[in-house]
Amino acid sequence: MSAINDELLAAVGWLAAEYGRISGNLNQIARYLNEYGAPKIIDYS
């Protein structure tokens, strides 16, 4: 493979890993909200 193809493949792999981490974070947020509900907003004004 050429250097460009190797770089592209590495970038696509990195991007897929980032999407996986984002998905995991969103799942944690959704799980928290489903279990505990949305946090209360406190108005300090």
N, C-alpha and C. Protein backbone atom coordinates (compact mmCIF):
# COMPACT_ATOMS: atom_id res chain seq x y z
N MET A 1 0.84 -1.19 0.00
CA MET A 1 0.00 0.00 0.00
C MET A 1 0.88 1.24 0.00
N SER A 2 0.33 2.31 -0.51
CA SER A 2 1.08 3.56 -0.54
C SER A 2 0.97 4.27 0.81
N ALA A 3 1.81 5.26 0.99
CA ALA A 3 1.82 6.01 2.25
C ALA A 3 0.49 6.75 2.45
N ILE A 4 -0.08 7.24 1.35
CA ILE A 4 -1.36 7.96 1.46
C ILE A 4 -2.46 7.01 1.92
N ASN A 5 -2.49 5.82 1.35
CA ASN A 5 -3.49 4.84 1.75
C ASN A 5 -3.31 4.44 3.21
N ASP A 6 -2.08 4.29 3.65
CA ASP A 6 -1.81 3.96 5.05
C ASP A 6 -2.29 5.07 5.98
N GLU A 7 -2.01 6.32 5.59
CA GLU A 7 -2.46 7.46 6.40
C GLU A 7 -3.97 7.54 6.44
N LEU A 8 -4.61 7.32 5.30
CA LEU A 8 -6.07 7.36 5.24
C LEU A 8 -6.67 6.25 6.09
N LEU A 9 -6.12 5.07 6.00
CA LEU A 9 -6.61 3.95 6.80
C LEU A 9 -6.44 4.23 8.29
N ALA A 10 -5.31 4.81 8.68
CA ALA A 10 -5.09 5.16 10.08
C ALA A 10 -6.08 6.22 10.54
N ALA A 11 -6.35 7.21 9.68
CA ALA A 11 -7.29 8.28 10.04
C ALA A 11 -8.70 7.73 10.19
N VAL A 12 -9.09 6.83 9.30
CA VAL A 12 -10.42 6.23 9.38
C VAL A 12 -10.54 5.38 10.65
N GLY A 13 -9.50 4.66 10.99
CA GLY A 13 -9.50 3.88 12.22
C GLY A 13 -9.61 4.76 13.45
N TRP A 14 -8.87 5.87 13.45
CA TRP A 14 -8.93 6.81 14.57
C TRP A 14 -10.32 7.40 14.69
N LEU A 15 -10.92 7.78 13.55
CA LEU A 15 -12.25 8.37 13.54
C LEU A 15 -13.29 7.37 14.06
N ALA A 16 -13.18 6.13 13.66
CA ALA A 16 -14.11 5.10 14.14
C ALA A 16 -13.98 4.93 15.65
N ALA A 17 -12.76 4.97 16.16
CA ALA A 17 -12.56 4.86 17.61
C ALA A 17 -13.15 6.06 18.34
N GLU A 18 -13.00 7.25 17.78
CA GLU A 18 -13.59 8.45 18.39
C GLU A 18 -15.11 8.35 18.44
N TYR A 19 -15.71 7.90 17.34
CA TYR A 19 -17.17 7.72 17.33
C TYR A 19 -17.60 6.70 18.37
N GLY A 20 -16.81 5.67 18.56
CA GLY A 20 -17.11 4.68 19.59
C GLY A 20 -17.08 5.29 20.98
N ARG A 21 -16.10 6.14 21.25
CA ARG A 21 -16.02 6.80 22.56
C ARG A 21 -17.18 7.76 22.76
N ILE A 22 -17.53 8.51 21.72
CA ILE A 22 -18.66 9.44 21.81
C ILE A 22 -19.94 8.66 22.08
N SER A 23 -20.12 7.56 21.39
CA SER A 23 -21.31 6.73 21.58
C SER A 23 -21.38 6.21 23.01
N GLY A 24 -20.25 5.78 23.55
CA GLY A 24 -20.22 5.31 24.93
C GLY A 24 -20.59 6.40 25.91
N ASN A 25 -20.09 7.61 25.67
CA ASN A 25 -20.43 8.74 26.55
C ASN A 25 -21.91 9.07 26.48
N LEU A 26 -22.47 9.07 25.28
CA LEU A 26 -23.90 9.34 25.13
C LEU A 26 -24.74 8.28 25.82
N ASN A 27 -24.31 7.03 25.75
CA ASN A 27 -25.03 5.96 26.43
C ASN A 27 -25.00 6.15 27.94
N GLN A 28 -23.87 6.58 28.48
CA GLN A 28 -23.78 6.84 29.92
C GLN A 28 -24.72 7.96 30.33
N ILE A 29 -24.77 9.02 29.53
CA ILE A 29 -25.67 10.14 29.83
C ILE A 29 -27.12 9.68 29.77
N ALA A 30 -27.48 8.93 28.74
CA ALA A 30 -28.85 8.45 28.60
C ALA A 30 -29.23 7.53 29.75
N ARG A 31 -28.31 6.66 30.15
CA ARG A 31 -28.58 5.74 31.26
C ARG A 31 -28.82 6.52 32.55
N TYR A 32 -28.01 7.55 32.80
CA TYR A 32 -28.18 8.38 34.00
C TYR A 32 -29.53 9.08 33.97
N LEU A 33 -29.86 9.70 32.83
CA LEU A 33 -31.12 10.44 32.73
C LEU A 33 -32.32 9.51 32.88
N ASN A 34 -32.24 8.31 32.33
CA ASN A 34 -33.34 7.36 32.46
C ASN A 34 -33.50 6.88 33.90
N GLU A 35 -32.39 6.78 34.61
CA GLU A 35 -32.46 6.28 35.99
C GLU A 35 -32.82 7.37 36.99
N TYR A 36 -32.23 8.55 36.84
CA TYR A 36 -32.39 9.61 37.85
C TYR A 36 -33.19 10.81 37.37
N GLY A 37 -33.44 10.93 36.09
CA GLY A 37 -34.13 12.10 35.55
C GLY A 37 -33.15 13.24 35.32
N ALA A 38 -33.66 14.29 34.71
CA ALA A 38 -32.83 15.45 34.42
C ALA A 38 -32.49 16.19 35.71
N PRO A 39 -31.29 16.73 35.81
CA PRO A 39 -30.93 17.49 37.02
C PRO A 39 -31.77 18.75 37.15
N LYS A 40 -32.02 19.14 38.37
CA LYS A 40 -32.79 20.35 38.64
C LYS A 40 -31.93 21.58 38.34
N ILE A 41 -32.54 22.57 37.74
CA ILE A 41 -31.84 23.82 37.43
C ILE A 41 -32.12 24.79 38.56
N ILE A 42 -31.06 25.29 39.18
CA ILE A 42 -31.19 26.22 40.30
C ILE A 42 -30.98 27.63 39.78
N ASP A 43 -31.94 28.51 40.04
CA ASP A 43 -31.84 29.90 39.60
C ASP A 43 -31.32 30.73 40.78
N TYR A 44 -30.10 31.24 40.66
CA TYR A 44 -29.48 32.01 41.73
C TYR A 44 -29.72 33.51 41.60
N SER A 45 -30.54 33.93 40.64
CA SER A 45 -30.72 35.37 40.45
C SER A 45 -31.72 35.95 41.43
